Amino acid sequence: MWRRQLAALKFNSRERVDVYRQIFLLNRSFHFIVQLLEELGQTRIFDSCTLKEMRGLAQELQTEINTVLLNSLESVEMNDWAQFGKVRIALEKRLKGSEPKPKHRP
């Protein structure tokens, strides 16, 4: 049911920018977490094996979150693509109608 709701959802340009910016910020935060865990491992204060595992777990969670979010966005984007494709097709038909027809040679 929620897939149908997503398919019916339409983003305006501002909403699209906001959603992708938030996903970017989320991914950048994971990048910082992984980077900081790497730096902490170089201090030799913490167990590097444990920190390596934590980096892997953070990256696994990041990819899981991205998968869920992007699967949801795919429905919305495909719906918008189809809608805007109709606009392009109508424009192409209109432009083709205004072109002079090629003359046939006998």
C-alpha atoms as a PDB file:
ATOM      1  CA  MET A   1       0.000   0.000   0.000  1.00  0.00           C
ATOM      2  CA  TRP A   2       2.738   2.508   0.891  1.00  0.00           C
ATOM      3  CA  ARG A   3       4.357   1.829  -2.525  1.00  0.00           C
ATOM      4  CA  ARG A   4       1.198   3.162  -4.187  1.00  0.00           C
ATOM      5  CA  GLN A   5       1.280   6.201  -1.915  1.00  0.00           C
ATOM      6  CA  LEU A   6       4.906   6.831  -2.887  1.00  0.00           C
ATOM      7  CA  ALA A   7       4.109   6.453  -6.560  1.00  0.00           C
ATOM      8  CA  ALA A   8       1.382   9.094  -6.193  1.00  0.00           C
ATOM      9  CA  LEU A   9       3.763  11.452  -4.358  1.00  0.00           C
ATOM     10  CA  LYS A  10       5.233  14.237  -6.458  1.00  0.00           C
ATOM     11  CA  PHE A  11       8.167  16.422  -5.472  1.00  0.00           C
ATOM     12  CA  ASN A  12       8.541  20.005  -6.471  1.00  0.00           C
ATOM     13  CA  SER A  13      12.085  21.196  -7.173  1.00  0.00           C
ATOM     14  CA  ARG A  14      12.605  22.569  -3.665  1.00  0.00           C
ATOM     15  CA  GLU A  15      11.432  19.361  -1.978  1.00  0.00           C
ATOM     16  CA  ARG A  16      13.669  17.290  -4.249  1.00  0.00           C
ATOM     17  CA  VAL A  17      16.700  19.412  -3.340  1.00  0.00           C
ATOM     18  CA  ASP A  18      15.875  19.133   0.366  1.00  0.00           C
ATOM     19  CA  VAL A  19      15.526  15.342   0.282  1.00  0.00           C
ATOM     20  CA  TYR A  20      18.768  14.808  -1.623  1.00  0.00           C
ATOM     21  CA  ARG A  21      20.585  17.306   0.605  1.00  0.00           C
ATOM     22  CA  GLN A  22      19.432  15.402   3.691  1.00  0.00           C
ATOM     23  CA  ILE A  23      20.607  12.108   2.193  1.00  0.00           C
ATOM     24  CA  PHE A  24      23.945  13.744   1.375  1.00  0.00           C
ATOM     25  CA  LEU A  25      24.272  15.013   4.960  1.00  0.00           C
ATOM     26  CA  LEU A  26      23.432  11.575   6.312  1.00  0.00           C
ATOM     27  CA  ASN A  27      26.104   9.954   4.137  1.00  0.00           C
ATOM     28  CA  ARG A  28      28.645  12.634   5.001  1.00  0.00           C
ATOM     29  CA  SER A  29      28.002  11.957   8.687  1.00  0.00           C
ATOM     30  CA  PHE A  30      28.720   8.267   8.157  1.00  0.00           C
ATOM     31  CA  HIS A  31      31.907   9.237   6.318  1.00  0.00           C
ATOM     32  CA  PHE A  32      32.997  11.282   9.334  1.00  0.00           C
ATOM     33  CA  ILE A  33      32.202   8.406  11.712  1.00  0.00           C
ATOM     34  CA  VAL A  34      34.259   5.958   9.672  1.00  0.00           C
ATOM     35  CA  GLN A  35      37.094   8.473   9.306  1.00  0.00           C
ATOM     36  CA  LEU A  36      37.179   9.225  13.042  1.00  0.00           C
ATOM     37  CA  LEU A  37      37.146   5.539  13.950  1.00  0.00           C
ATOM     38  CA  GLU A  38      40.133   5.113  11.622  1.00  0.00           C
ATOM     39  CA  GLU A  39      41.948   7.989  13.322  1.00  0.00           C
ATOM     40  CA  LEU A  40      41.175   6.587  16.778  1.00  0.00           C
ATOM     41  CA  GLY A  41      42.655   3.270  15.667  1.00  0.00           C
ATOM     42  CA  GLN A  42      45.925   5.000  14.887  1.00  0.00           C
ATOM     43  CA  THR A  43      46.283   6.290  18.457  1.00  0.00           C
ATOM     44  CA  ARG A  44      46.994   2.757  19.753  1.00  0.00           C
ATOM     45  CA  ILE A  45      44.842   3.572  22.790  1.00  0.00           C
ATOM     46  CA  PHE A  46      41.925   1.540  21.442  1.00  0.00           C
ATOM     47  CA  ASP A  47      41.868  -1.969  20.060  1.00  0.00           C
ATOM     48  CA  SER A  48      42.331  -1.522  16.294  1.00  0.00           C
ATOM     49  CA  CYS A  49      40.522  -4.803  15.550  1.00  0.00           C
ATOM     50  CA  THR A  50      37.431  -3.639  17.446  1.00  0.00           C
ATOM     51  CA  LEU A  51      37.503  -0.251  15.731  1.00  0.00           C
ATOM     52  CA  LYS A  52      37.823  -1.956  12.341  1.00  0.00           C
ATOM     53  CA  GLU A  53      34.718  -4.007  13.157  1.00  0.00           C
ATOM     54  CA  MET A  54      32.891  -0.832  14.221  1.00  0.00           C
ATOM     55  CA  ARG A  55      33.821   0.831  10.909  1.00  0.00           C
ATOM     56  CA  GLY A  56      32.419  -2.159   9.066  1.00  0.00           C
ATOM     57  CA  LEU A  57      29.214  -2.061  11.098  1.00  0.00           C
ATOM     58  CA  ALA A  58      28.833   1.676  10.467  1.00  0.00           C
ATOM     59  CA  GLN A  59      29.296   1.159   6.730  1.00  0.00           C
ATOM     60  CA  GLU A  60      26.836  -1.737   6.740  1.00  0.00           C
ATOM     61  CA  LEU A  61      24.237   0.448   8.461  1.00  0.00           C
ATOM     62  CA  GLN A  62      24.941   3.261   6.001  1.00  0.00           C
ATOM     63  CA  THR A  63      24.336   1.003   3.012  1.00  0.00           C
ATOM     64  CA  GLU A  64      21.185  -0.446   4.584  1.00  0.00           C
ATOM     65  CA  ILE A  65      19.778   3.039   5.192  1.00  0.00           C
ATOM     66  CA  ASN A  66      20.716   4.134   1.653  1.00  0.00           C
ATOM     67  CA  THR A  67      19.052   1.057   0.185  1.00  0.00           C
ATOM     68  CA  VAL A  68      15.787   1.691   2.017  1.00  0.00           C
ATOM     69  CA  LEU A  69      15.755   5.408   1.222  1.00  0.00           C
ATOM     70  CA  LEU A  70      16.765   5.057  -2.410  1.00  0.00           C
ATOM     71  CA  ASN A  71      14.277   2.258  -3.067  1.00  0.00           C
ATOM     72  CA  SER A  72      11.546   4.598  -1.866  1.00  0.00           C
ATOM     73  CA  LEU A  73      12.884   7.474  -3.942  1.00  0.00           C
ATOM     74  CA  GLU A  74      13.080   5.323  -7.054  1.00  0.00           C
ATOM     75  CA  SER A  75       9.280   5.060  -7.200  1.00  0.00           C
ATOM     76  CA  VAL A  76       8.883   8.816  -6.922  1.00  0.00           C
ATOM     77  CA  GLU A  77      11.613   9.536  -9.480  1.00  0.00           C
ATOM     78  CA  MET A  78      10.259   7.010 -11.991  1.00  0.00           C
ATOM     79  CA  ASN A  79       6.786   8.537 -11.674  1.00  0.00           C
ATOM     80  CA  ASP A  80       8.170  12.037 -12.253  1.00  0.00           C
ATOM     81  CA  TRP A  81      10.314  10.825 -15.157  1.00  0.00           C
ATOM     82  CA  ALA A  82       7.247   9.336 -16.829  1.00  0.00           C
ATOM     83  CA  GLN A  83       5.266  12.544 -16.270  1.00  0.00           C
ATOM     84  CA  PHE A  84       7.985  14.837 -17.607  1.00  0.00           C
ATOM     85  CA  GLY A  85       8.589  12.425 -20.475  1.00  0.00           C
ATOM     86  CA  LYS A  86       5.025  13.066 -21.585  1.00  0.00           C
ATOM     87  CA  VAL A  87       5.817  16.778 -21.750  1.00  0.00           C
ATOM     88  CA  ARG A  88       8.880  16.113 -23.917  1.00  0.00           C
ATOM     89  CA  ILE A  89       6.963  13.764 -26.228  1.00  0.00           C
ATOM     90  CA  ALA A  90       4.193  16.344 -26.681  1.00  0.00           C
ATOM     91  CA  LEU A  91       6.795  19.018 -27.460  1.00  0.00           C
ATOM     92  CA  GLU A  92       8.528  16.793 -30.009  1.00  0.00           C
ATOM     93  CA  LYS A  93       5.205  16.036 -31.708  1.00  0.00           C
ATOM     94  CA  ARG A  94       4.362  19.723 -31.825  1.00  0.00           C
ATOM     95  CA  LEU A  95       7.761  20.614 -33.267  1.00  0.00           C
ATOM     96  CA  LYS A  96       7.588  17.847 -35.855  1.00  0.00           C
ATOM     97  CA  GLY A  97       4.184  19.112 -36.934  1.00  0.00           C
ATOM     98  CA  SER A  98       5.612  22.558 -37.667  1.00  0.00           C
ATOM     99  CA  GLU A  99       8.493  21.260 -39.791  1.00  0.00           C
ATOM    100  CA  PRO A 100       8.024  21.286 -43.529  1.00  0.00           C
ATOM    101  CA  LYS A 101       7.431  17.831 -44.901  1.00  0.00           C
ATOM    102  CA  PRO A 102      10.217  16.458 -47.088  1.00  0.00           C
ATOM    103  CA  LYS A 103       9.405  16.408 -50.767  1.00  0.00           C
ATOM    104  CA  HIS A 104       9.330  13.034 -52.453  1.00  0.00           C
ATOM    105  CA  ARG A 105      11.414  12.626 -55.580  1.00  0.00           C
ATOM    106  CA  PRO A 106       9.879  10.734 -58.447  1.00  0.00           C
END
